[in-house]
Amino acid sequence: MNCIFCKINNGEIPSQILYEDDVVKVIMDANPTSNGHILIIPVKHYNDFLNIDDNTLIHIHKIAKLMKKYLFESLNPDGLALINNYGINQLIKHYHLHLIPVYKEKQPIKNINDIYQKIRSVI
């Protein structure tokens, strides 16, 4: 399969892993729209939310709640957007959930390695 997220899950492509278990992997988004933009990716390949089982969806949202805690402790955002794209705006056809911190004041995108280390420091 030529899926970038499957390759990340298999260790074929390096990523900055914040959390992983037998169901999901949480990584830094390589092209963040905000400081702390992360992705929750199921280990098993699912095209989109329509073919993912309920237990996996529940687990993804459980991990989203945990990651929200770490994002707020490390980066102090003012809000958080959870986004799942579907259809033409889903660029990678492997279900994934974006967690995007929102800040009152616009911030320049900082070095991803620095943000990664900041988040890792509270995990």
C-alpha atoms as a PDB file:
ATOM      1  CA  MET A   1       0.000   0.000   0.000  1.00  0.00           C
ATOM      2  CA  ASN A   2       1.305   3.425  -0.916  1.00  0.00           C
ATOM      3  CA  CYS A   3      -0.225   5.226   2.086  1.00  0.00           C
ATOM      4  CA  ILE A   4       2.035   7.713   3.870  1.00  0.00           C
ATOM      5  CA  PHE A   5       0.354   7.074   7.242  1.00  0.00           C
ATOM      6  CA  CYS A   6       0.723   3.290   6.865  1.00  0.00           C
ATOM      7  CA  LYS A   7       4.408   3.878   6.071  1.00  0.00           C
ATOM      8  CA  ILE A   8       4.727   6.054   9.199  1.00  0.00           C
ATOM      9  CA  ASN A   9       2.957   3.384  11.273  1.00  0.00           C
ATOM     10  CA  ASN A  10       5.311   0.720   9.887  1.00  0.00           C
ATOM     11  CA  GLY A  11       8.413   2.808  10.630  1.00  0.00           C
ATOM     12  CA  GLU A  12       9.260   3.269   6.943  1.00  0.00           C
ATOM     13  CA  ILE A  13       8.980   7.063   7.245  1.00  0.00           C
ATOM     14  CA  PRO A  14      10.273   8.846  10.352  1.00  0.00           C
ATOM     15  CA  SER A  15       7.882  10.936  12.425  1.00  0.00           C
ATOM     16  CA  GLN A  16       7.819  12.744  15.739  1.00  0.00           C
ATOM     17  CA  ILE A  17       5.746  10.409  17.868  1.00  0.00           C
ATOM     18  CA  LEU A  18       4.027  11.863  20.925  1.00  0.00           C
ATOM     19  CA  TYR A  19       2.020   8.760  21.855  1.00  0.00           C
ATOM     20  CA  GLU A  20       1.407   5.269  20.528  1.00  0.00           C
ATOM     21  CA  ASP A  21      -0.423   2.117  21.481  1.00  0.00           C
ATOM     22  CA  ASP A  22      -1.748  -0.881  19.562  1.00  0.00           C
ATOM     23  CA  VAL A  23      -4.641   1.164  18.095  1.00  0.00           C
ATOM     24  CA  VAL A  24      -3.263   4.648  17.328  1.00  0.00           C
ATOM     25  CA  LYS A  25      -0.172   6.728  16.828  1.00  0.00           C
ATOM     26  CA  VAL A  26      -0.059  10.461  17.628  1.00  0.00           C
ATOM     27  CA  ILE A  27       2.426  12.500  15.625  1.00  0.00           C
ATOM     28  CA  MET A  28       3.327  16.090  14.921  1.00  0.00           C
ATOM     29  CA  ASP A  29       1.812  17.365  11.671  1.00  0.00           C
ATOM     30  CA  ALA A  30       4.671  17.886   9.187  1.00  0.00           C
ATOM     31  CA  ASN A  31       2.926  20.984   7.788  1.00  0.00           C
ATOM     32  CA  PRO A  32       1.293  22.572  10.821  1.00  0.00           C
ATOM     33  CA  THR A  33      -1.285  25.312  10.522  1.00  0.00           C
ATOM     34  CA  SER A  34      -0.728  26.209  14.185  1.00  0.00           C
ATOM     35  CA  ASN A  35       1.914  25.594  16.839  1.00  0.00           C
ATOM     36  CA  GLY A  36       1.146  22.191  18.327  1.00  0.00           C
ATOM     37  CA  HIS A  37      -0.840  20.846  15.346  1.00  0.00           C
ATOM     38  CA  ILE A  38      -0.896  17.077  15.829  1.00  0.00           C
ATOM     39  CA  LEU A  39      -2.531  14.064  14.178  1.00  0.00           C
ATOM     40  CA  ILE A  40      -4.098  10.960  15.677  1.00  0.00           C
ATOM     41  CA  ILE A  41      -3.743   8.115  13.185  1.00  0.00           C
ATOM     42  CA  PRO A  42      -5.165   4.609  13.571  1.00  0.00           C
ATOM     43  CA  VAL A  43      -2.534   1.894  13.148  1.00  0.00           C
ATOM     44  CA  LYS A  44      -4.953  -0.078  10.959  1.00  0.00           C
ATOM     45  CA  HIS A  45      -5.746   1.484   7.586  1.00  0.00           C
ATOM     46  CA  TYR A  46      -9.250   2.933   7.298  1.00  0.00           C
ATOM     47  CA  ASN A  47     -10.087   5.105   4.283  1.00  0.00           C
ATOM     48  CA  ASP A  48     -12.350   7.471   6.190  1.00  0.00           C
ATOM     49  CA  PHE A  49     -14.715   7.746   9.144  1.00  0.00           C
ATOM     50  CA  LEU A  50     -17.430   5.799   7.328  1.00  0.00           C
ATOM     51  CA  ASN A  51     -15.510   2.507   7.431  1.00  0.00           C
ATOM     52  CA  ILE A  52     -13.879   2.790  10.853  1.00  0.00           C
ATOM     53  CA  ASP A  53     -15.384   0.763  13.675  1.00  0.00           C
ATOM     54  CA  ASP A  54     -16.991   2.475  16.666  1.00  0.00           C
ATOM     55  CA  ASN A  55     -14.508   1.104  19.215  1.00  0.00           C
ATOM     56  CA  THR A  56     -11.592   2.608  17.294  1.00  0.00           C
ATOM     57  CA  LEU A  57     -13.396   5.955  16.989  1.00  0.00           C
ATOM     58  CA  ILE A  58     -14.070   5.947  20.728  1.00  0.00           C
ATOM     59  CA  HIS A  59     -10.405   5.173  21.411  1.00  0.00           C
ATOM     60  CA  ILE A  60      -9.269   7.975  19.090  1.00  0.00           C
ATOM     61  CA  HIS A  61     -11.423  10.482  20.977  1.00  0.00           C
ATOM     62  CA  LYS A  62     -10.213   9.148  24.321  1.00  0.00           C
ATOM     63  CA  ILE A  63      -6.635   9.809  23.162  1.00  0.00           C
ATOM     64  CA  ALA A  64      -7.724  13.229  21.837  1.00  0.00           C
ATOM     65  CA  LYS A  65      -8.844  14.153  25.365  1.00  0.00           C
ATOM     66  CA  LEU A  66      -5.476  13.034  26.746  1.00  0.00           C
ATOM     67  CA  MET A  67      -3.544  14.942  24.093  1.00  0.00           C
ATOM     68  CA  LYS A  68      -5.669  18.046  24.721  1.00  0.00           C
ATOM     69  CA  LYS A  69      -4.393  17.971  28.299  1.00  0.00           C
ATOM     70  CA  TYR A  70      -0.773  17.813  27.133  1.00  0.00           C
ATOM     71  CA  LEU A  71      -1.242  20.544  24.536  1.00  0.00           C
ATOM     72  CA  PHE A  72      -2.796  22.906  27.072  1.00  0.00           C
ATOM     73  CA  GLU A  73      -0.143  22.168  29.717  1.00  0.00           C
ATOM     74  CA  SER A  74       2.739  22.728  27.318  1.00  0.00           C
ATOM     75  CA  LEU A  75       1.556  25.445  24.917  1.00  0.00           C
ATOM     76  CA  ASN A  76      -1.285  27.285  26.704  1.00  0.00           C
ATOM     77  CA  PRO A  77      -3.585  27.692  23.696  1.00  0.00           C
ATOM     78  CA  ASP A  78      -6.938  29.422  24.048  1.00  0.00           C
ATOM     79  CA  GLY A  79      -8.875  26.717  22.244  1.00  0.00           C
ATOM     80  CA  LEU A  80      -8.607  23.551  20.212  1.00  0.00           C
ATOM     81  CA  ALA A  81     -10.035  22.522  16.845  1.00  0.00           C
ATOM     82  CA  LEU A  82     -10.649  18.839  16.145  1.00  0.00           C
ATOM     83  CA  ILE A  83     -10.913  18.285  12.407  1.00  0.00           C
ATOM     84  CA  ASN A  84     -11.603  15.212  10.311  1.00  0.00           C
ATOM     85  CA  ASN A  85     -11.625  15.828   6.570  1.00  0.00           C
ATOM     86  CA  TYR A  86     -13.774  13.793   4.209  1.00  0.00           C
ATOM     87  CA  GLY A  87     -14.178  13.692   0.444  1.00  0.00           C
ATOM     88  CA  ILE A  88     -12.232  16.103  -1.744  1.00  0.00           C
ATOM     89  CA  ASN A  89     -10.618  17.881   1.212  1.00  0.00           C
ATOM     90  CA  GLN A  90      -9.231  14.605   2.638  1.00  0.00           C
ATOM     91  CA  LEU A  91      -5.794  14.662   1.012  1.00  0.00           C
ATOM     92  CA  ILE A  92      -4.515  11.451   2.620  1.00  0.00           C
ATOM     93  CA  LYS A  93      -7.056   8.646   2.312  1.00  0.00           C
ATOM     94  CA  HIS A  94      -6.258   7.148   5.732  1.00  0.00           C
ATOM     95  CA  TYR A  95      -8.565   8.295   8.512  1.00  0.00           C
ATOM     96  CA  HIS A  96      -6.871  10.764  10.847  1.00  0.00           C
ATOM     97  CA  LEU A  97      -7.976  13.364  13.352  1.00  0.00           C
ATOM     98  CA  HIS A  98      -6.294  16.768  13.447  1.00  0.00           C
ATOM     99  CA  LEU A  99      -5.915  18.491  16.830  1.00  0.00           C
ATOM    100  CA  ILE A 100      -5.104  22.112  16.111  1.00  0.00           C
ATOM    101  CA  PRO A 101      -4.444  24.522  18.979  1.00  0.00           C
ATOM    102  CA  VAL A 102      -6.087  27.930  18.571  1.00  0.00           C
ATOM    103  CA  TYR A 103      -4.573  31.118  19.975  1.00  0.00           C
ATOM    104  CA  LYS A 104      -6.244  34.505  20.577  1.00  0.00           C
ATOM    105  CA  GLU A 105      -3.310  36.257  18.978  1.00  0.00           C
ATOM    106  CA  LYS A 106      -1.856  35.018  15.710  1.00  0.00           C
ATOM    107  CA  GLN A 107       1.512  33.362  16.210  1.00  0.00           C
ATOM    108  CA  PRO A 108       4.234  32.645  13.706  1.00  0.00           C
ATOM    109  CA  ILE A 109       4.762  28.913  13.181  1.00  0.00           C
ATOM    110  CA  LYS A 110       7.726  27.925  15.333  1.00  0.00           C
ATOM    111  CA  ASN A 111      10.257  25.174  14.723  1.00  0.00           C
ATOM    112  CA  ILE A 112       8.414  21.834  14.866  1.00  0.00           C
ATOM    113  CA  ASN A 113      11.273  20.207  16.822  1.00  0.00           C
ATOM    114  CA  ASP A 114      11.012  22.885  19.519  1.00  0.00           C
ATOM    115  CA  ILE A 115       7.239  22.451  19.788  1.00  0.00           C
ATOM    116  CA  TYR A 116       7.651  18.654  19.866  1.00  0.00           C
ATOM    117  CA  GLN A 117      10.133  18.889  22.746  1.00  0.00           C
ATOM    118  CA  LYS A 118       7.842  21.275  24.616  1.00  0.00           C
ATOM    119  CA  ILE A 119       4.900  18.868  24.357  1.00  0.00           C
ATOM    120  CA  ARG A 120       7.090  15.832  25.203  1.00  0.00           C
ATOM    121  CA  SER A 121       8.239  17.601  28.364  1.00  0.00           C
ATOM    122  CA  VAL A 122       4.757  17.279  29.905  1.00  0.00           C
ATOM    123  CA  ILE A 123       4.010  13.720  28.811  1.00  0.00           C
END
